[in-house]
C-alpha atoms as a PDB file:
ATOM      1  CA  UNK A   1       0.000   0.004  -0.022  1.00  0.00           C
ATOM      2  CA  UNK A   2       2.853   2.362   0.838  1.00  0.00           C
ATOM      3  CA  UNK A   3       4.406   1.630  -2.501  1.00  0.00           C
ATOM      4  CA  UNK A   4       1.169   2.507  -4.324  1.00  0.00           C
ATOM      5  CA  UNK A   5       0.857   5.713  -2.414  1.00  0.00           C
ATOM      6  CA  UNK A   6       4.487   6.718  -3.204  1.00  0.00           C
ATOM      7  CA  UNK A   7       3.978   5.904  -6.910  1.00  0.00           C
ATOM      8  CA  UNK A   8       0.766   7.994  -6.929  1.00  0.00           C
ATOM      9  CA  UNK A   9       2.647  10.914  -5.242  1.00  0.00           C
ATOM     10  CA  UNK A  10       5.454  10.599  -7.723  1.00  0.00           C
ATOM     11  CA  UNK A  11       3.065  10.821 -10.671  1.00  0.00           C
ATOM     12  CA  UNK A  12       1.434  13.955  -9.195  1.00  0.00           C
ATOM     13  CA  UNK A  13       4.830  15.554  -8.754  1.00  0.00           C
ATOM     14  CA  UNK A  14       5.849  14.633 -12.330  1.00  0.00           C
ATOM     15  CA  UNK A  15       2.622  16.106 -13.659  1.00  0.00           C
ATOM     16  CA  UNK A  16       3.237  19.367 -11.798  1.00  0.00           C
ATOM     17  CA  UNK A  17       6.847  19.494 -13.047  1.00  0.00           C
ATOM     18  CA  UNK A  18       5.673  18.981 -16.621  1.00  0.00           C
ATOM     19  CA  UNK A  19       3.069  21.736 -16.180  1.00  0.00           C
ATOM     20  CA  UNK A  20       5.629  24.159 -14.775  1.00  0.00           C
ATOM     21  CA  UNK A  21       8.117  23.366 -17.569  1.00  0.00           C
ATOM     22  CA  UNK A  22       5.338  24.015 -20.110  1.00  0.00           C
ATOM     23  CA  UNK A  23       4.647  27.398 -18.514  1.00  0.00           C
ATOM     24  CA  UNK A  24       8.364  28.260 -18.672  1.00  0.00           C
ATOM     25  CA  UNK A  25       8.314  28.037 -22.515  1.00  0.00           C
ATOM     26  CA  UNK A  26       5.479  30.291 -23.575  1.00  0.00           C
ATOM     27  CA  UNK A  27       4.371  30.134 -27.204  1.00  0.00           C
ATOM     28  CA  UNK A  28       4.804  33.183 -29.523  1.00  0.00           C
ATOM     29  CA  UNK A  29       1.848  35.607 -29.368  1.00  0.00           C
ATOM     30  CA  UNK A  30      -0.665  35.327 -32.116  1.00  0.00           C
ATOM     31  CA  UNK A  31       0.348  37.192 -35.290  1.00  0.00           C
ATOM     32  CA  UNK A  32      -1.739  39.099 -37.839  1.00  0.00           C
ATOM     33  CA  UNK A  33       0.717  37.944 -40.567  1.00  0.00           C
ATOM     34  CA  UNK A  34      -0.277  34.595 -42.070  1.00  0.00           C
ATOM     35  CA  UNK A  35       2.444  34.234 -44.671  1.00  0.00           C
ATOM     36  CA  UNK A  36       5.817  32.623 -43.888  1.00  0.00           C
ATOM     37  CA  UNK A  37       8.509  34.892 -42.477  1.00  0.00           C
ATOM     38  CA  UNK A  38      11.316  33.658 -44.763  1.00  0.00           C
ATOM     39  CA  UNK A  39      11.977  31.683 -47.974  1.00  0.00           C
ATOM     40  CA  UNK A  40      14.953  29.800 -49.291  1.00  0.00           C
ATOM     41  CA  UNK A  41      16.234  30.415 -52.762  1.00  0.00           C
ATOM     42  CA  UNK A  42      15.900  27.717 -55.427  1.00  0.00           C
ATOM     43  CA  UNK A  43      18.462  24.964 -55.318  1.00  0.00           C
ATOM     44  CA  UNK A  44      21.339  25.515 -57.656  1.00  0.00           C
ATOM     45  CA  UNK A  45      21.731  23.061 -60.506  1.00  0.00           C
ATOM     46  CA  UNK A  46      25.017  21.634 -61.715  1.00  0.00           C
ATOM     47  CA  UNK A  47      27.336  23.896 -63.677  1.00  0.00           C
ATOM     48  CA  UNK A  48      26.799  23.623 -67.498  1.00  0.00           C
ATOM     49  CA  UNK A  49      29.359  22.219 -69.735  1.00  0.00           C
ATOM     50  CA  UNK A  50      32.026  24.824 -70.717  1.00  0.00           C
ATOM     51  CA  UNK A  51      31.418  26.449 -74.106  1.00  0.00           C
ATOM     52  CA  UNK A  52      34.683  28.332 -74.402  1.00  0.00           C
ATOM     53  CA  UNK A  53      33.071  31.677 -73.565  1.00  0.00           C
ATOM     54  CA  UNK A  54      34.688  34.047 -71.061  1.00  0.00           C
ATOM     55  CA  UNK A  55      31.405  35.004 -69.336  1.00  0.00           C
ATOM     56  CA  UNK A  56      28.885  32.284 -68.601  1.00  0.00           C
ATOM     57  CA  UNK A  57      25.772  32.323 -66.453  1.00  0.00           C
ATOM     58  CA  UNK A  58      25.233  29.630 -63.811  1.00  0.00           C
ATOM     59  CA  UNK A  59      21.641  28.331 -63.899  1.00  0.00           C
ATOM     60  CA  UNK A  60      20.035  28.492 -60.536  1.00  0.00           C
ATOM     61  CA  UNK A  61      22.032  31.535 -59.376  1.00  0.00           C
ATOM     62  CA  UNK A  62      20.457  34.067 -61.663  1.00  0.00           C
ATOM     63  CA  UNK A  63      22.016  37.035 -63.491  1.00  0.00           C
ATOM     64  CA  UNK A  64      24.249  39.149 -61.213  1.00  0.00           C
ATOM     65  CA  UNK A  65      26.184  41.905 -62.977  1.00  0.00           C
ATOM     66  CA  UNK A  66      29.587  42.688 -61.441  1.00  0.00           C
ATOM     67  CA  UNK A  67      29.335  46.428 -61.433  1.00  0.00           C
ATOM     68  CA  UNK A  68      26.086  47.296 -59.630  1.00  0.00           C
ATOM     69  CA  UNK A  69      24.629  47.646 -56.216  1.00  0.00           C
ATOM     70  CA  UNK A  70      23.561  44.308 -54.853  1.00  0.00           C
ATOM     71  CA  UNK A  71      19.888  45.068 -54.464  1.00  0.00           C
ATOM     72  CA  UNK A  72      17.303  42.400 -53.725  1.00  0.00           C
ATOM     73  CA  UNK A  73      15.415  41.069 -56.730  1.00  0.00           C
ATOM     74  CA  UNK A  74      15.111  37.290 -56.245  1.00  0.00           C
ATOM     75  CA  UNK A  75      13.482  34.910 -53.809  1.00  0.00           C
ATOM     76  CA  UNK A  76      15.699  34.459 -50.773  1.00  0.00           C
ATOM     77  CA  UNK A  77      17.344  37.891 -51.069  1.00  0.00           C
ATOM     78  CA  UNK A  78      17.166  40.171 -48.022  1.00  0.00           C
ATOM     79  CA  UNK A  79      16.189  43.804 -47.708  1.00  0.00           C
ATOM     80  CA  UNK A  80      16.893  46.201 -44.827  1.00  0.00           C
ATOM     81  CA  UNK A  81      13.638  48.046 -43.894  1.00  0.00           C
ATOM     82  CA  UNK A  82      13.824  51.314 -41.955  1.00  0.00           C
ATOM     83  CA  UNK A  83      10.801  51.637 -39.722  1.00  0.00           C
ATOM     84  CA  UNK A  84       9.477  55.193 -39.932  1.00  0.00           C
ATOM     85  CA  UNK A  85       5.851  54.789 -38.828  1.00  0.00           C
ATOM     86  CA  UNK A  86       4.152  57.761 -37.262  1.00  0.00           C
ATOM     87  CA  UNK A  87       0.400  58.172 -37.208  1.00  0.00           C
ATOM     88  CA  UNK A  88      -1.804  60.744 -35.510  1.00  0.00           C
ATOM     89  CA  UNK A  89      -5.598  60.709 -35.572  1.00  0.00           C
ATOM     90  CA  UNK A  90      -8.200  62.780 -33.774  1.00  0.00           C
ATOM     91  CA  UNK A  91     -11.989  62.927 -33.869  1.00  0.00           C
ATOM     92  CA  UNK A  92     -14.404  65.227 -32.163  1.00  0.00           C
ATOM     93  CA  UNK A  93     -18.193  65.385 -32.414  1.00  0.00           C
ATOM     94  CA  UNK A  94     -21.034  66.982 -30.571  1.00  0.00           C
ATOM     95  CA  UNK A  95     -24.850  66.950 -30.860  1.00  0.00           C
ATOM     96  CA  UNK A  96     -27.552  69.082 -29.290  1.00  0.00           C
ATOM     97  CA  UNK A  97     -31.330  68.671 -29.719  1.00  0.00           C
ATOM     98  CA  UNK A  98     -34.330  70.026 -27.891  1.00  0.00           C
ATOM     99  CA  UNK A  99     -38.123  69.774 -28.152  1.00  0.00           C
ATOM    100  CA  UNK A 100     -40.906  71.650 -26.284  1.00  0.00           C
ATOM    101  CA  UNK A 101     -44.699  71.244 -26.554  1.00  0.00           C
ATOM    102  CA  UNK A 102     -47.621  72.749 -24.705  1.00  0.00           C
ATOM    103  CA  UNK A 103     -51.401  72.207 -24.721  1.00  0.00           C
ATOM    104  CA  UNK A 104     -54.400  73.805 -23.054  1.00  0.00           C
ATOM    105  CA  UNK A 105     -58.096  72.759 -22.625  1.00  0.00           C
ATOM    106  CA  UNK A 106     -60.939  74.970 -21.343  1.00  0.00           C
ATOM    107  CA  UNK A 107     -64.546  73.784 -20.760  1.00  0.00           C
ATOM    108  CA  UNK A 108     -67.256  76.451 -21.026  1.00  0.00           C
ATOM    109  CA  UNK A 109     -70.508  76.164 -18.998  1.00  0.00           C
ATOM    110  CA  UNK A 110     -73.242  74.211 -20.807  1.00  0.00           C
ATOM    111  CA  UNK A 111     -76.880  75.098 -20.028  1.00  0.00           C
ATOM    112  CA  UNK A 112     -79.353  72.357 -19.338  1.00  0.00           C
ATOM    113  CA  UNK A 113     -76.817  69.770 -18.308  1.00  0.00           C
ATOM    114  CA  UNK A 114     -75.507  68.856 -14.912  1.00  0.00           C
ATOM    115  CA  UNK A 115     -72.050  70.207 -15.654  1.00  0.00           C
ATOM    116  CA  UNK A 116     -71.777  72.562 -12.754  1.00  0.00           C
ATOM    117  CA  UNK A 117     -68.703  70.729 -11.472  1.00  0.00           C
ATOM    118  CA  UNK A 118     -66.930  71.224 -14.836  1.00  0.00           C
ATOM    119  CA  UNK A 119     -67.975  74.833 -15.463  1.00  0.00           C
ATOM    120  CA  UNK A 120     -65.045  77.078 -16.347  1.00  0.00           C
ATOM    121  CA  UNK A 121     -62.564  74.160 -15.793  1.00  0.00           C
ATOM    122  CA  UNK A 122     -59.269  74.254 -17.580  1.00  0.00           C
ATOM    123  CA  UNK A 123     -56.476  71.791 -18.349  1.00  0.00           C
ATOM    124  CA  UNK A 124     -52.897  72.729 -19.241  1.00  0.00           C
ATOM    125  CA  UNK A 125     -49.981  70.463 -20.109  1.00  0.00           C
ATOM    126  CA  UNK A 126     -46.304  71.112 -20.902  1.00  0.00           C
ATOM    127  CA  UNK A 127     -43.627  68.739 -22.222  1.00  0.00           C
ATOM    128  CA  UNK A 128     -39.953  69.528 -22.662  1.00  0.00           C
ATOM    129  CA  UNK A 129     -37.249  67.127 -24.045  1.00  0.00           C
ATOM    130  CA  UNK A 130     -33.591  67.973 -24.321  1.00  0.00           C
ATOM    131  CA  UNK A 131     -30.549  65.939 -25.465  1.00  0.00           C
ATOM    132  CA  UNK A 132     -26.864  66.877 -25.571  1.00  0.00           C
ATOM    133  CA  UNK A 133     -23.899  64.637 -26.395  1.00  0.00           C
ATOM    134  CA  UNK A 134     -20.254  65.108 -27.110  1.00  0.00           C
ATOM    135  CA  UNK A 135     -17.306  62.863 -27.962  1.00  0.00           C
ATOM    136  CA  UNK A 136     -13.602  63.339 -28.351  1.00  0.00           C
ATOM    137  CA  UNK A 137     -10.959  60.733 -29.321  1.00  0.00           C
ATOM    138  CA  UNK A 138      -7.248  61.043 -30.155  1.00  0.00           C
ATOM    139  CA  UNK A 139      -4.456  58.572 -30.854  1.00  0.00           C
ATOM    140  CA  UNK A 140      -0.736  58.905 -31.596  1.00  0.00           C
ATOM    141  CA  UNK A 141       1.572  56.090 -32.561  1.00  0.00           C
ATOM    142  CA  UNK A 142       5.291  56.104 -33.332  1.00  0.00           C
ATOM    143  CA  UNK A 143       7.407  53.125 -34.418  1.00  0.00           C
ATOM    144  CA  UNK A 144      11.034  53.503 -35.406  1.00  0.00           C
ATOM    145  CA  UNK A 145      13.889  51.099 -35.916  1.00  0.00           C
ATOM    146  CA  UNK A 146      15.170  48.642 -38.557  1.00  0.00           C
ATOM    147  CA  UNK A 147      14.353  45.032 -39.511  1.00  0.00           C
ATOM    148  CA  UNK A 148      15.708  42.848 -42.264  1.00  0.00           C
ATOM    149  CA  UNK A 149      13.125  40.964 -44.307  1.00  0.00           C
ATOM    150  CA  UNK A 150      13.336  38.213 -46.989  1.00  0.00           C
ATOM    151  CA  UNK A 151      11.894  38.177 -50.430  1.00  0.00           C
ATOM    152  CA  UNK A 152       9.456  35.240 -50.419  1.00  0.00           C
ATOM    153  CA  UNK A 153       7.850  35.785 -53.855  1.00  0.00           C
ATOM    154  CA  UNK A 154       8.490  37.852 -56.994  1.00  0.00           C
ATOM    155  CA  UNK A 155       5.305  38.943 -58.773  1.00  0.00           C
ATOM    156  CA  UNK A 156       4.826  39.130 -62.550  1.00  0.00           C
ATOM    157  CA  UNK A 157       5.244  42.919 -62.581  1.00  0.00           C
ATOM    158  CA  UNK A 158       8.571  42.778 -60.642  1.00  0.00           C
ATOM    159  CA  UNK A 159       7.235  43.709 -57.232  1.00  0.00           C
ATOM    160  CA  UNK A 160       8.438  41.597 -54.403  1.00  0.00           C
ATOM    161  CA  UNK A 161       6.479  40.086 -51.554  1.00  0.00           C
ATOM    162  CA  UNK A 162       8.619  40.369 -48.357  1.00  0.00           C
ATOM    163  CA  UNK A 163       8.237  39.110 -44.852  1.00  0.00           C
ATOM    164  CA  UNK A 164      10.469  38.973 -41.803  1.00  0.00           C
ATOM    165  CA  UNK A 165      10.605  38.572 -38.046  1.00  0.00           C
ATOM    166  CA  UNK A 166      12.963  39.657 -35.315  1.00  0.00           C
ATOM    167  CA  UNK A 167      12.944  38.180 -31.793  1.00  0.00           C
ATOM    168  CA  UNK A 168      14.637  39.807 -28.886  1.00  0.00           C
ATOM    169  CA  UNK A 169      14.908  38.059 -25.576  1.00  0.00           C
ATOM    170  CA  UNK A 170      15.202  40.403 -22.596  1.00  0.00           C
ATOM    171  CA  UNK A 171      15.369  38.799 -19.081  1.00  0.00           C
ATOM    172  CA  UNK A 172      12.158  36.834 -18.696  1.00  0.00           C
ATOM    173  CA  UNK A 173      10.309  37.989 -21.799  1.00  0.00           C
ATOM    174  CA  UNK A 174      10.658  37.908 -25.539  1.00  0.00           C
ATOM    175  CA  UNK A 175       9.786  40.659 -27.949  1.00  0.00           C
ATOM    176  CA  UNK A 176       8.574  39.906 -31.465  1.00  0.00           C
ATOM    177  CA  UNK A 177       8.815  42.408 -34.356  1.00  0.00           C
ATOM    178  CA  UNK A 178       7.139  41.266 -37.584  1.00  0.00           C
ATOM    179  CA  UNK A 179       6.702  42.909 -40.963  1.00  0.00           C
ATOM    180  CA  UNK A 180       5.165  41.806 -44.228  1.00  0.00           C
ATOM    181  CA  UNK A 181       4.174  43.634 -47.434  1.00  0.00           C
ATOM    182  CA  UNK A 182       4.982  44.336 -51.094  1.00  0.00           C
ATOM    183  CA  UNK A 183       8.075  46.316 -52.173  1.00  0.00           C
ATOM    184  CA  UNK A 184       8.600  48.065 -55.468  1.00  0.00           C
ATOM    185  CA  UNK A 185      12.219  47.561 -56.609  1.00  0.00           C
ATOM    186  CA  UNK A 186      12.301  51.180 -57.736  1.00  0.00           C
ATOM    187  CA  UNK A 187      11.968  52.263 -54.091  1.00  0.00           C
ATOM    188  CA  UNK A 188      15.022  50.328 -52.947  1.00  0.00           C
ATOM    189  CA  UNK A 189      17.833  52.736 -52.221  1.00  0.00           C
ATOM    190  CA  UNK A 190      21.595  52.142 -52.466  1.00  0.00           C
ATOM    191  CA  UNK A 191      22.658  49.901 -49.590  1.00  0.00           C
ATOM    192  CA  UNK A 192      19.647  47.665 -50.221  1.00  0.00           C
ATOM    193  CA  UNK A 193      17.398  49.693 -47.897  1.00  0.00           C
ATOM    194  CA  UNK A 194      13.765  50.785 -48.158  1.00  0.00           C
ATOM    195  CA  UNK A 195      11.500  52.790 -45.907  1.00  0.00           C
ATOM    196  CA  UNK A 196       8.459  51.153 -44.309  1.00  0.00           C
ATOM    197  CA  UNK A 197       6.319  53.967 -45.562  1.00  0.00           C
ATOM    198  CA  UNK A 198       6.942  52.771 -49.133  1.00  0.00           C
ATOM    199  CA  UNK A 199       5.803  49.152 -48.563  1.00  0.00           C
ATOM    200  CA  UNK A 200       2.349  48.425 -49.925  1.00  0.00           C
ATOM    201  CA  UNK A 201      -0.138  46.280 -47.972  1.00  0.00           C
ATOM    202  CA  UNK A 202       2.145  46.562 -45.033  1.00  0.00           C
ATOM    203  CA  UNK A 203       1.445  44.610 -41.807  1.00  0.00           C
ATOM    204  CA  UNK A 204       3.663  45.674 -38.968  1.00  0.00           C
ATOM    205  CA  UNK A 205       3.353  44.453 -35.384  1.00  0.00           C
ATOM    206  CA  UNK A 206       5.224  44.572 -32.151  1.00  0.00           C
ATOM    207  CA  UNK A 207       4.282  42.000 -29.463  1.00  0.00           C
ATOM    208  CA  UNK A 208       5.823  40.381 -26.447  1.00  0.00           C
ATOM    209  CA  UNK A 209       5.317  37.600 -23.992  1.00  0.00           C
ATOM    210  CA  UNK A 210       6.530  36.941 -20.456  1.00  0.00           C
ATOM    211  CA  UNK A 211       5.347  37.855 -16.947  1.00  0.00           C
ATOM    212  CA  UNK A 212       5.531  41.637 -17.657  1.00  0.00           C
ATOM    213  CA  UNK A 213       3.117  41.250 -20.532  1.00  0.00           C
ATOM    214  CA  UNK A 214       0.901  38.834 -18.594  1.00  0.00           C
ATOM    215  CA  UNK A 215       0.588  41.391 -15.816  1.00  0.00           C
ATOM    216  CA  UNK A 216      -0.934  43.834 -18.257  1.00  0.00           C
ATOM    217  CA  UNK A 217      -3.679  41.457 -19.416  1.00  0.00           C
ATOM    218  CA  UNK A 218      -7.080  40.992 -17.760  1.00  0.00           C
ATOM    219  CA  UNK A 219      -7.869  37.621 -16.264  1.00  0.00           C
ATOM    220  CA  UNK A 220     -10.062  35.216 -18.179  1.00  0.00           C
ATOM    221  CA  UNK A 221     -12.795  35.162 -15.549  1.00  0.00           C
ATOM    222  CA  UNK A 222     -12.971  38.940 -15.432  1.00  0.00           C
ATOM    223  CA  UNK A 223     -13.192  39.046 -19.248  1.00  0.00           C
ATOM    224  CA  UNK A 224     -16.064  36.523 -19.082  1.00  0.00           C
ATOM    225  CA  UNK A 225     -17.955  38.676 -16.541  1.00  0.00           C
ATOM    226  CA  UNK A 226     -17.503  41.761 -18.737  1.00  0.00           C
ATOM    227  CA  UNK A 227     -19.042  39.937 -21.719  1.00  0.00           C
ATOM    228  CA  UNK A 228     -22.141  38.773 -19.856  1.00  0.00           C
ATOM    229  CA  UNK A 229     -22.594  41.711 -17.530  1.00  0.00           C
ATOM    230  CA  UNK A 230     -25.606  43.919 -18.477  1.00  0.00           C
ATOM    231  CA  UNK A 231     -24.143  46.991 -16.741  1.00  0.00           C
END
């Protein structure tokens, strides 16, 4: 019996240890970017048979002129993106409405009828309705830095679909910077850099996990009460 109890206790301790180890390795936060963050270039084929020419292209490596800036143009190439995001938005609205009504009723004496109790009676009513509302909202966001992304697809018009991720582990938390979008090769500057403001269909996010980020989130039970609470 003691052996069974000790085995049972050992299984409980093992389960707790596995649970704690699972909590130590938190998964990456959910991302709004669904495409892959990188792509590998096509596999190079064997070198062709020599033809006697001085300059020969190697299939699988693509055309790379000697005297030019090495700017990205093929799947697997990388581009340095300078993050220069700054947005400011404000909204203000107000409304004012009013309504007033009044009515009056007077009963004159009628001869020949027992209306002495209603003689010269009067009825007056007044109704007033007012409404006033105002709203004001403002938001300011700034995101600066750099991130290197990879060309994962080259479109038929020459534009490149890029995507990339950067992970930074600081103490007990990890920061995730992700970017995806479409880059026009004409916007790539010397040094193989492009500004984030020139990326079409851009999706840029900054998220983190760890106990600091968990402390800023509302508990699941409190969120459930907020959804069902009528107040």
